[in-house]
Amino acid sequence: MSNGSEKSLVAVVMGSASDWETMARTHKTLDEFGVPHCCRVLSAHRTPDLLAQFVRDADKDGTEVFIAGAGLAAALPGAVAALTLRPVLGVPIQAGALNGQDALLAIAQMPPGIPVGALAIGTPGAVNAALMAVAILANKYPEYDARLKH
């Protein structure tokens, strides 16, 4: 994770501390590629003002990609996308009675004008979200392009 001395190119947010079990894979993959990032627990339902302030501050500070992990109602990725024009990647957390399918549909069925990239449910989606963020960054930063090719 970012130690605060460098800007975070990627912000990873999750709605609950229990989502860390899945989203830790996003963090690990970004670390493997050397991508400066931060990870936060911020809920679209329980801490909407803190979420809005975090996204606005991260946007202003140069964050280029947001990754949001959410289960059940999966409002977090859409809430983040409503606050930024940067790419938002949504990771459905495998939880609840529908085992993450409800989260996947909530993330994939965003209304026109609020785009969110929907990834696979659970750990595969968490890893792929990080890889997709690296691929997005690779368009601007040659070092990430080179790392993706190895």
N, C-alpha and C. Protein backbone atom coordinates (compact mmCIF):
# COMPACT_ATOMS: atom_id res chain seq x y z
N MET A 1 0.83 -1.19 0.00
CA MET A 1 0.00 0.00 0.00
C MET A 1 0.87 1.24 0.00
N SER A 2 0.30 2.31 -0.40
CA SER A 2 1.02 3.56 -0.39
C SER A 2 1.35 3.94 1.05
N ASN A 3 2.54 4.45 1.25
CA ASN A 3 2.94 4.85 2.59
C ASN A 3 2.66 6.33 2.84
N GLY A 4 2.00 6.97 1.92
CA GLY A 4 1.65 8.36 2.08
C GLY A 4 2.68 9.31 1.49
N SER A 5 3.90 8.83 1.20
CA SER A 5 4.93 9.71 0.66
C SER A 5 4.86 9.81 -0.86
N GLU A 6 4.10 8.96 -1.48
CA GLU A 6 3.92 9.03 -2.93
C GLU A 6 2.43 8.99 -3.23
N LYS A 7 2.06 9.57 -4.35
CA LYS A 7 0.63 9.56 -4.66
C LYS A 7 0.19 8.16 -5.05
N SER A 8 -1.05 7.85 -4.75
CA SER A 8 -1.63 6.57 -5.12
C SER A 8 -2.21 6.67 -6.51
N LEU A 9 -1.72 5.84 -7.42
CA LEU A 9 -2.30 5.81 -8.77
C LEU A 9 -3.61 5.05 -8.78
N VAL A 10 -3.77 4.11 -7.84
CA VAL A 10 -4.98 3.31 -7.74
C VAL A 10 -5.51 3.40 -6.31
N ALA A 11 -6.81 3.59 -6.19
CA ALA A 11 -7.47 3.56 -4.89
C ALA A 11 -8.37 2.33 -4.86
N VAL A 12 -8.17 1.50 -3.84
CA VAL A 12 -8.97 0.30 -3.64
C VAL A 12 -9.89 0.55 -2.45
N VAL A 13 -11.18 0.47 -2.70
CA VAL A 13 -12.14 0.67 -1.61
C VAL A 13 -13.03 -0.55 -1.49
N MET A 14 -13.45 -0.81 -0.27
CA MET A 14 -14.37 -1.92 -0.01
C MET A 14 -15.37 -1.47 1.02
N GLY A 15 -16.56 -2.03 0.95
CA GLY A 15 -17.65 -1.59 1.81
C GLY A 15 -17.58 -2.07 3.24
N SER A 16 -16.80 -3.11 3.49
CA SER A 16 -16.74 -3.70 4.82
C SER A 16 -15.37 -4.32 5.04
N ALA A 17 -14.93 -4.33 6.29
CA ALA A 17 -13.64 -4.95 6.62
C ALA A 17 -13.61 -6.42 6.24
N SER A 18 -14.77 -7.07 6.25
CA SER A 18 -14.82 -8.49 5.88
C SER A 18 -14.52 -8.71 4.41
N ASP A 19 -14.61 -7.66 3.59
CA ASP A 19 -14.29 -7.76 2.16
C ASP A 19 -12.78 -7.86 1.92
N TRP A 20 -11.98 -7.57 2.95
CA TRP A 20 -10.53 -7.61 2.80
C TRP A 20 -10.04 -8.99 2.40
N GLU A 21 -10.73 -10.03 2.86
CA GLU A 21 -10.32 -11.40 2.49
C GLU A 21 -10.22 -11.55 0.97
N THR A 22 -11.12 -10.92 0.26
CA THR A 22 -11.09 -10.94 -1.21
C THR A 22 -10.18 -9.85 -1.76
N MET A 23 -10.35 -8.64 -1.27
CA MET A 23 -9.65 -7.49 -1.85
C MET A 23 -8.16 -7.47 -1.52
N ALA A 24 -7.72 -8.28 -0.58
CA ALA A 24 -6.28 -8.40 -0.31
C ALA A 24 -5.55 -8.89 -1.56
N ARG A 25 -6.23 -9.66 -2.39
CA ARG A 25 -5.62 -10.14 -3.64
C ARG A 25 -5.40 -8.99 -4.62
N THR A 26 -6.28 -8.00 -4.60
CA THR A 26 -6.07 -6.80 -5.42
C THR A 26 -4.81 -6.08 -4.93
N HIS A 27 -4.74 -5.88 -3.64
CA HIS A 27 -3.58 -5.22 -3.03
C HIS A 27 -2.29 -5.97 -3.37
N LYS A 28 -2.30 -7.28 -3.21
CA LYS A 28 -1.10 -8.09 -3.46
C LYS A 28 -0.66 -7.98 -4.92
N THR A 29 -1.61 -8.04 -5.85
CA THR A 29 -1.28 -7.97 -7.27
C THR A 29 -0.73 -6.59 -7.63
N LEU A 30 -1.34 -5.52 -7.11
CA LEU A 30 -0.82 -4.18 -7.37
C LEU A 30 0.60 -4.04 -6.79
N ASP A 31 0.81 -4.61 -5.61
CA ASP A 31 2.15 -4.60 -5.01
C ASP A 31 3.17 -5.30 -5.91
N GLU A 32 2.78 -6.44 -6.47
CA GLU A 32 3.68 -7.20 -7.34
C GLU A 32 4.11 -6.40 -8.56
N PHE A 33 3.25 -5.50 -9.01
CA PHE A 33 3.58 -4.66 -10.17
C PHE A 33 4.19 -3.33 -9.76
N GLY A 34 4.31 -3.11 -8.46
CA GLY A 34 4.91 -1.87 -7.97
C GLY A 34 4.04 -0.64 -8.16
N VAL A 35 2.73 -0.84 -8.17
CA VAL A 35 1.81 0.27 -8.38
C VAL A 35 1.48 0.93 -7.03
N PRO A 36 1.78 2.22 -6.89
CA PRO A 36 1.41 2.92 -5.66
C PRO A 36 -0.12 2.96 -5.52
N HIS A 37 -0.60 2.50 -4.37
CA HIS A 37 -2.05 2.43 -4.17
C HIS A 37 -2.37 2.55 -2.69
N CYS A 38 -3.63 2.78 -2.43
CA CYS A 38 -4.12 2.80 -1.07
C CYS A 38 -5.35 1.91 -0.99
N CYS A 39 -5.64 1.41 0.19
CA CYS A 39 -6.80 0.56 0.42
C CYS A 39 -7.60 1.14 1.58
N ARG A 40 -8.91 1.28 1.40
CA ARG A 40 -9.75 1.87 2.44
C ARG A 40 -11.07 1.10 2.55
N VAL A 41 -11.61 1.06 3.75
CA VAL A 41 -12.95 0.55 3.99
C VAL A 41 -13.86 1.77 4.11
N LEU A 42 -14.75 1.92 3.14
CA LEU A 42 -15.70 3.04 3.10
C LEU A 42 -17.01 2.53 2.51
N SER A 43 -18.08 2.71 3.21
CA SER A 43 -19.36 2.17 2.78
C SER A 43 -20.23 3.23 2.10
N ALA A 44 -20.84 2.84 1.00
CA ALA A 44 -21.79 3.73 0.33
C ALA A 44 -23.03 3.94 1.21
N HIS A 45 -23.31 2.98 2.09
CA HIS A 45 -24.49 3.06 2.95
C HIS A 45 -24.19 3.62 4.33
N ARG A 46 -23.10 3.16 4.95
CA ARG A 46 -22.81 3.54 6.34
C ARG A 46 -21.97 4.80 6.46
N THR A 47 -21.11 5.09 5.48
CA THR A 47 -20.24 6.27 5.56
C THR A 47 -20.23 7.04 4.23
N PRO A 48 -21.40 7.42 3.72
CA PRO A 48 -21.44 8.05 2.40
C PRO A 48 -20.67 9.37 2.32
N ASP A 49 -20.69 10.17 3.37
CA ASP A 49 -19.96 11.44 3.34
C ASP A 49 -18.45 11.21 3.31
N LEU A 50 -17.98 10.24 4.10
CA LEU A 50 -16.55 9.92 4.10
C LEU A 50 -16.12 9.37 2.75
N LEU A 51 -16.97 8.53 2.15
CA LEU A 51 -16.68 7.99 0.82
C LEU A 51 -16.56 9.12 -0.20
N ALA A 52 -17.53 10.02 -0.20
CA ALA A 52 -17.51 11.13 -1.16
C ALA A 52 -16.27 11.99 -0.99
N GLN A 53 -15.89 12.29 0.25
CA GLN A 53 -14.71 13.09 0.50
C GLN A 53 -13.44 12.37 0.04
N PHE A 54 -13.37 11.06 0.33
CA PHE A 54 -12.21 10.28 -0.08
C PHE A 54 -12.05 10.29 -1.60
N VAL A 55 -13.13 10.03 -2.33
CA VAL A 55 -13.06 9.98 -3.80
C VAL A 55 -12.68 11.34 -4.36
N ARG A 56 -13.28 12.39 -3.86
CA ARG A 56 -12.94 13.73 -4.34
C ARG A 56 -11.47 14.07 -4.07
N ASP A 57 -11.01 13.74 -2.86
CA ASP A 57 -9.60 14.01 -2.52
C ASP A 57 -8.65 13.18 -3.38
N ALA A 58 -8.97 11.90 -3.54
CA ALA A 58 -8.12 11.01 -4.35
C ALA A 58 -8.07 11.51 -5.80
N ASP A 59 -9.22 11.90 -6.33
CA ASP A 59 -9.30 12.44 -7.69
C ASP A 59 -8.37 13.67 -7.82
N LYS A 60 -8.48 14.56 -6.87
CA LYS A 60 -7.69 15.79 -6.87
C LYS A 60 -6.20 15.49 -6.71
N ASP A 61 -5.87 14.44 -5.96
CA ASP A 61 -4.47 14.09 -5.69
C ASP A 61 -3.83 13.24 -6.78
N GLY A 62 -4.58 12.90 -7.84
CA GLY A 62 -3.98 12.21 -8.97
C GLY A 62 -4.25 10.72 -9.09
N THR A 63 -5.17 10.20 -8.29
CA THR A 63 -5.54 8.79 -8.47
C THR A 63 -6.12 8.63 -9.87
N GLU A 64 -5.70 7.57 -10.56
CA GLU A 64 -6.10 7.39 -11.96
C GLU A 64 -7.10 6.26 -12.17
N VAL A 65 -7.19 5.33 -11.23
CA VAL A 65 -8.13 4.21 -11.33
C VAL A 65 -8.66 3.91 -9.94
N PHE A 66 -9.94 3.65 -9.86
CA PHE A 66 -10.58 3.22 -8.62
C PHE A 66 -11.03 1.78 -8.78
N ILE A 67 -10.79 0.98 -7.75
CA ILE A 67 -11.30 -0.39 -7.70
C ILE A 67 -12.18 -0.48 -6.47
N ALA A 68 -13.42 -0.91 -6.66
CA ALA A 68 -14.38 -0.98 -5.57
C ALA A 68 -14.91 -2.40 -5.43
N GLY A 69 -14.70 -2.98 -4.27
CA GLY A 69 -15.23 -4.31 -3.99
C GLY A 69 -16.47 -4.20 -3.14
N ALA A 70 -17.53 -4.89 -3.54
CA ALA A 70 -18.79 -4.78 -2.80
C ALA A 70 -19.60 -6.05 -2.95
N GLY A 71 -20.29 -6.39 -1.88
CA GLY A 71 -21.18 -7.55 -1.90
C GLY A 71 -22.62 -7.11 -1.75
N LEU A 72 -23.50 -8.09 -1.79
CA LEU A 72 -24.93 -7.87 -1.58
C LEU A 72 -25.46 -6.78 -2.49
N ALA A 73 -25.88 -5.65 -1.95
CA ALA A 73 -26.47 -4.60 -2.78
C ALA A 73 -25.46 -3.98 -3.75
N ALA A 74 -24.19 -4.09 -3.45
CA ALA A 74 -23.09 -3.65 -4.33
C ALA A 74 -23.25 -2.22 -4.81
N ALA A 75 -23.61 -1.32 -3.91
CA ALA A 75 -23.78 0.08 -4.27
C ALA A 75 -22.46 0.83 -4.40
N LEU A 76 -21.40 0.32 -3.78
CA LEU A 76 -20.14 1.06 -3.70
C LEU A 76 -19.54 1.41 -5.06
N PRO A 77 -19.39 0.48 -6.00
CA PRO A 77 -18.80 0.86 -7.28
C PRO A 77 -19.58 1.97 -7.99
N GLY A 78 -20.88 1.90 -7.97
CA GLY A 78 -21.68 2.95 -8.60
C GLY A 78 -21.57 4.28 -7.88
N ALA A 79 -21.50 4.24 -6.56
CA ALA A 79 -21.34 5.47 -5.79
C ALA A 79 -20.00 6.13 -6.12
N VAL A 80 -18.95 5.33 -6.24
CA VAL A 80 -17.64 5.87 -6.61
C VAL A 80 -17.71 6.46 -8.02
N ALA A 81 -18.31 5.72 -8.95
CA ALA A 81 -18.40 6.19 -10.34
C ALA A 81 -19.22 7.48 -10.46
N ALA A 82 -20.16 7.68 -9.56
CA ALA A 82 -20.95 8.91 -9.58
C ALA A 82 -20.14 10.13 -9.15
N LEU A 83 -18.98 9.87 -8.51
CA LEU A 83 -18.18 10.95 -7.95
C LEU A 83 -16.90 11.26 -8.74
N THR A 84 -16.60 10.46 -9.76
CA THR A 84 -15.36 10.65 -10.51
C THR A 84 -15.56 10.32 -11.99
N LEU A 85 -14.72 10.88 -12.82
CA LEU A 85 -14.71 10.52 -14.23
C LEU A 85 -13.61 9.51 -14.54
N ARG A 86 -12.81 9.15 -13.53
CA ARG A 86 -11.75 8.15 -13.69
C ARG A 86 -12.38 6.77 -13.85
N PRO A 87 -11.64 5.82 -14.43
CA PRO A 87 -12.16 4.45 -14.54
C PRO A 87 -12.44 3.85 -13.17
N VAL A 88 -13.59 3.18 -13.06
CA VAL A 88 -13.98 2.47 -11.85
C VAL A 88 -14.19 1.01 -12.21
N LEU A 89 -13.51 0.13 -11.49
CA LEU A 89 -13.63 -1.31 -11.70
C LEU A 89 -14.32 -1.90 -10.48
N GLY A 90 -15.39 -2.65 -10.71
CA GLY A 90 -16.17 -3.22 -9.62
C GLY A 90 -15.90 -4.70 -9.44
N VAL A 91 -15.63 -5.10 -8.20
CA VAL A 91 -15.39 -6.50 -7.87
C VAL A 91 -16.54 -6.98 -7.00
N PRO A 92 -17.37 -7.89 -7.51
CA PRO A 92 -18.44 -8.45 -6.68
C PRO A 92 -17.86 -9.41 -5.64
N ILE A 93 -18.20 -9.17 -4.39
CA ILE A 93 -17.73 -10.02 -3.30
C ILE A 93 -18.67 -11.22 -3.18
N GLN A 94 -18.09 -12.39 -3.05
CA GLN A 94 -18.87 -13.63 -2.94
C GLN A 94 -19.45 -13.71 -1.53
N ALA A 95 -20.72 -13.34 -1.40
CA ALA A 95 -21.37 -13.30 -0.08
C ALA A 95 -22.88 -13.41 -0.25
N GLY A 96 -23.54 -13.64 0.86
CA GLY A 96 -24.99 -13.61 0.89
C GLY A 96 -25.65 -14.83 0.29
N ALA A 97 -26.96 -14.78 0.28
CA ALA A 97 -27.77 -15.90 -0.18
C ALA A 97 -27.54 -16.23 -1.65
N LEU A 98 -27.17 -15.23 -2.44
CA LEU A 98 -26.97 -15.45 -3.88
C LEU A 98 -25.50 -15.61 -4.24
N ASN A 99 -24.64 -15.70 -3.22
CA ASN A 99 -23.23 -16.02 -3.41
C ASN A 99 -22.50 -15.07 -4.36
N GLY A 100 -22.89 -13.81 -4.35
CA GLY A 100 -22.23 -12.80 -5.17
C GLY A 100 -22.90 -12.50 -6.49
N GLN A 101 -23.87 -13.31 -6.89
CA GLN A 101 -24.54 -13.05 -8.17
C GLN A 101 -25.33 -11.74 -8.14
N ASP A 102 -25.93 -11.42 -6.99
CA ASP A 102 -26.65 -10.16 -6.85
C ASP A 102 -25.69 -8.98 -6.99
N ALA A 103 -24.51 -9.10 -6.39
CA ALA A 103 -23.52 -8.04 -6.50
C ALA A 103 -23.05 -7.87 -7.94
N LEU A 104 -22.81 -8.97 -8.62
CA LEU A 104 -22.39 -8.91 -10.02
C LEU A 104 -23.42 -8.18 -10.87
N LEU A 105 -24.68 -8.54 -10.70
CA LEU A 105 -25.73 -7.88 -11.49
C LEU A 105 -25.86 -6.40 -11.15
N ALA A 106 -25.74 -6.07 -9.86
CA ALA A 106 -25.83 -4.66 -9.46
C ALA A 106 -24.70 -3.85 -10.09
N ILE A 107 -23.51 -4.42 -10.15
CA ILE A 107 -22.36 -3.71 -10.72
C ILE A 107 -22.48 -3.64 -12.25
N ALA A 108 -22.89 -4.73 -12.86
CA ALA A 108 -22.96 -4.78 -14.33
C ALA A 108 -24.11 -3.95 -14.90
N GLN A 109 -25.16 -3.74 -14.13
CA GLN A 109 -26.36 -3.07 -14.64
C GLN A 109 -26.43 -1.60 -14.25
N MET A 110 -25.31 -0.91 -14.34
CA MET A 110 -25.29 0.52 -14.03
C MET A 110 -26.06 1.28 -15.11
N PRO A 111 -26.71 2.38 -14.71
CA PRO A 111 -27.45 3.16 -15.71
C PRO A 111 -26.49 3.87 -16.66
N PRO A 112 -26.97 4.21 -17.85
CA PRO A 112 -26.13 4.93 -18.81
C PRO A 112 -25.58 6.21 -18.18
N GLY A 113 -24.30 6.47 -18.43
CA GLY A 113 -23.66 7.67 -17.91
C GLY A 113 -22.88 7.45 -16.63
N ILE A 114 -23.03 6.29 -16.00
CA ILE A 114 -22.28 5.97 -14.78
C ILE A 114 -21.58 4.63 -15.03
N PRO A 115 -20.52 4.63 -15.86
CA PRO A 115 -19.89 3.36 -16.22
C PRO A 115 -19.06 2.76 -15.08
N VAL A 116 -19.19 1.45 -14.93
CA VAL A 116 -18.37 0.67 -14.01
C VAL A 116 -18.00 -0.62 -14.73
N GLY A 117 -16.72 -0.94 -14.75
CA GLY A 117 -16.28 -2.21 -15.32
C GLY A 117 -16.54 -3.32 -14.32
N ALA A 118 -17.34 -4.30 -14.69
CA ALA A 118 -17.68 -5.40 -13.78
C ALA A 118 -16.72 -6.57 -14.00
N LEU A 119 -16.13 -7.05 -12.92
CA LEU A 119 -15.22 -8.17 -12.97
C LEU A 119 -15.90 -9.42 -12.43
N ALA A 120 -15.20 -10.53 -12.43
CA ALA A 120 -15.73 -11.79 -11.94
C ALA A 120 -15.98 -11.73 -10.44
N ILE A 121 -16.83 -12.60 -9.98
CA ILE A 121 -17.15 -12.69 -8.56
C ILE A 121 -15.95 -13.22 -7.78
N GLY A 122 -15.63 -12.58 -6.66
CA GLY A 122 -14.64 -13.09 -5.71
C GLY A 122 -13.19 -12.86 -6.12
N THR A 123 -12.34 -13.77 -5.67
CA THR A 123 -10.89 -13.64 -5.84
C THR A 123 -10.46 -13.47 -7.30
N PRO A 124 -11.02 -14.23 -8.25
CA PRO A 124 -10.60 -14.00 -9.65
C PRO A 124 -10.86 -12.56 -10.10
N GLY A 125 -11.98 -12.00 -9.69
CA GLY A 125 -12.28 -10.61 -10.03
C GLY A 125 -11.34 -9.63 -9.36
N ALA A 126 -10.95 -9.94 -8.12
CA ALA A 126 -10.04 -9.06 -7.38
C ALA A 126 -8.67 -9.01 -8.06
N VAL A 127 -8.17 -10.16 -8.49
CA VAL A 127 -6.88 -10.21 -9.19
C VAL A 127 -7.01 -9.51 -10.54
N ASN A 128 -8.05 -9.83 -11.28
CA ASN A 128 -8.21 -9.24 -12.61
C ASN A 128 -8.45 -7.74 -12.56
N ALA A 129 -9.09 -7.24 -11.51
CA ALA A 129 -9.27 -5.79 -11.37
C ALA A 129 -7.91 -5.11 -11.26
N ALA A 130 -7.02 -5.70 -10.48
CA ALA A 130 -5.67 -5.14 -10.35
C ALA A 130 -4.95 -5.19 -11.69
N LEU A 131 -5.05 -6.32 -12.39
CA LEU A 131 -4.39 -6.43 -13.69
C LEU A 131 -4.97 -5.45 -14.70
N MET A 132 -6.27 -5.23 -14.65
CA MET A 132 -6.89 -4.27 -15.56
C MET A 132 -6.44 -2.85 -15.21
N ALA A 133 -6.31 -2.55 -13.93
CA ALA A 133 -5.81 -1.24 -13.52
C ALA A 133 -4.39 -1.04 -14.04
N VAL A 134 -3.55 -2.07 -13.93
CA VAL A 134 -2.18 -1.97 -14.46
C VAL A 134 -2.22 -1.75 -15.97
N ALA A 135 -3.11 -2.43 -16.67
CA ALA A 135 -3.22 -2.25 -18.12
C ALA A 135 -3.66 -0.83 -18.47
N ILE A 136 -4.56 -0.27 -17.68
CA ILE A 136 -4.99 1.12 -17.92
C ILE A 136 -3.81 2.05 -17.71
N LEU A 137 -3.07 1.85 -16.62
CA LEU A 137 -1.91 2.68 -16.33
C LEU A 137 -0.82 2.52 -17.39
N ALA A 138 -0.73 1.33 -17.97
CA ALA A 138 0.30 1.05 -18.98
C ALA A 138 0.14 1.93 -20.23
N ASN A 139 -1.03 2.48 -20.45
CA ASN A 139 -1.23 3.39 -21.57
C ASN A 139 -0.47 4.69 -21.40
N LYS A 140 -0.17 5.03 -20.16
CA LYS A 140 0.50 6.29 -19.84
C LYS A 140 1.91 6.08 -19.29
N TYR A 141 2.12 4.97 -18.59
CA TYR A 141 3.40 4.73 -17.91
C TYR A 141 4.09 3.52 -18.53
N PRO A 142 5.18 3.74 -19.25
CA PRO A 142 5.88 2.64 -19.93
C PRO A 142 6.37 1.53 -18.98
N GLU A 143 6.68 1.86 -17.75
CA GLU A 143 7.17 0.83 -16.83
C GLU A 143 6.11 -0.24 -16.54
N TYR A 144 4.84 0.16 -16.51
CA TYR A 144 3.78 -0.84 -16.27
C TYR A 144 3.52 -1.65 -17.53
N ASP A 145 3.67 -1.01 -18.68
CA ASP A 145 3.56 -1.74 -19.94
C ASP A 145 4.62 -2.83 -20.00
N ALA A 146 5.85 -2.48 -19.64
CA ALA A 146 6.96 -3.44 -19.67
C ALA A 146 6.73 -4.58 -18.67
N ARG A 147 6.22 -4.23 -17.49
CA ARG A 147 5.97 -5.28 -16.47
C ARG A 147 4.86 -6.22 -16.88
N LEU A 148 3.85 -5.71 -17.58
CA LEU A 148 2.77 -6.58 -18.05
C LEU A 148 3.28 -7.58 -19.08
N LYS A 149 4.27 -7.18 -19.86
CA LYS A 149 4.78 -8.04 -20.93
C LYS A 149 5.70 -9.12 -20.42
N HIS A 150 6.12 -9.07 -19.15
CA HIS A 150 7.03 -10.09 -18.60
C HIS A 150 6.30 -11.04 -17.74
